[in-house]
């Protein structure tokens, strides 16, 4: 009986209806956390200036610190987010739709080229910016993939990285992405890094160096503001989603 109930619960949690409801509830809580927090914005104006000048940009943030970033978007800005076709990605997609984001599904195994072409076409035509979580959906956490650098190289648009932290926030240490759960009525800081412009003629090795540079900048900034708010130090690149699942099965 317990096994049947467990399977039934898994089906419910992965069902499209549940994911839609959950996405809406997460949006409601995240919006409340954002509007009730007293924020300090460091470098965010540079994003808006570049967005107006370039018409479109590339915005990135880590998987564990992406929840509140969509609320920085102004109403007249259009942005497409690349999300996984995994059920966790569909939850994120439902959430982002409430944040007025366009959503394009893709992953390393399903429709990666189709999604990339659509994103590239939209940003080159100045139809929409691109939002990417460069350590998702599998991790390791806070470890940069070269995809944002690739889009910047091909489009000529700048990359901006966004990190944030909040006082009295909770960091889920057991989660692969070390996710931050935002509290209500707190104080916090958003910090933007960039712009990072990528030359169109760089090599694959150069792209990896650009990615590593941005990764290091993001992690240094995040750890500094976490320390400012007294949060425990996150463990960078320790585990991927796949490795965490394997560990749970073994235990």
Foldseek 3Di string as FASTA:
>chain_A
DVVVVVVVVVCCCLDLVNLLVLLVVLLVVLVQQVVLAAEDEACLVVVVVQCVVLLAAEEEEAPQFCSNVLVSDDPVAAEEEEFEPGSVRSSVVSNVVVSVYHYFYDDPVPCPVVSLVVQLVCVLVSNHYYYYNQQDDWHQALQGDLVNVVSLLSRQHWYKYKGKDWAPWQFDQLDSHSHTHRDGNTYMYIHIDDRDHHHNPDDPVVSVVSRVVVSVVNLVVNQVRCVVNPHDDHDGRPGTNVRSVVVVVVD
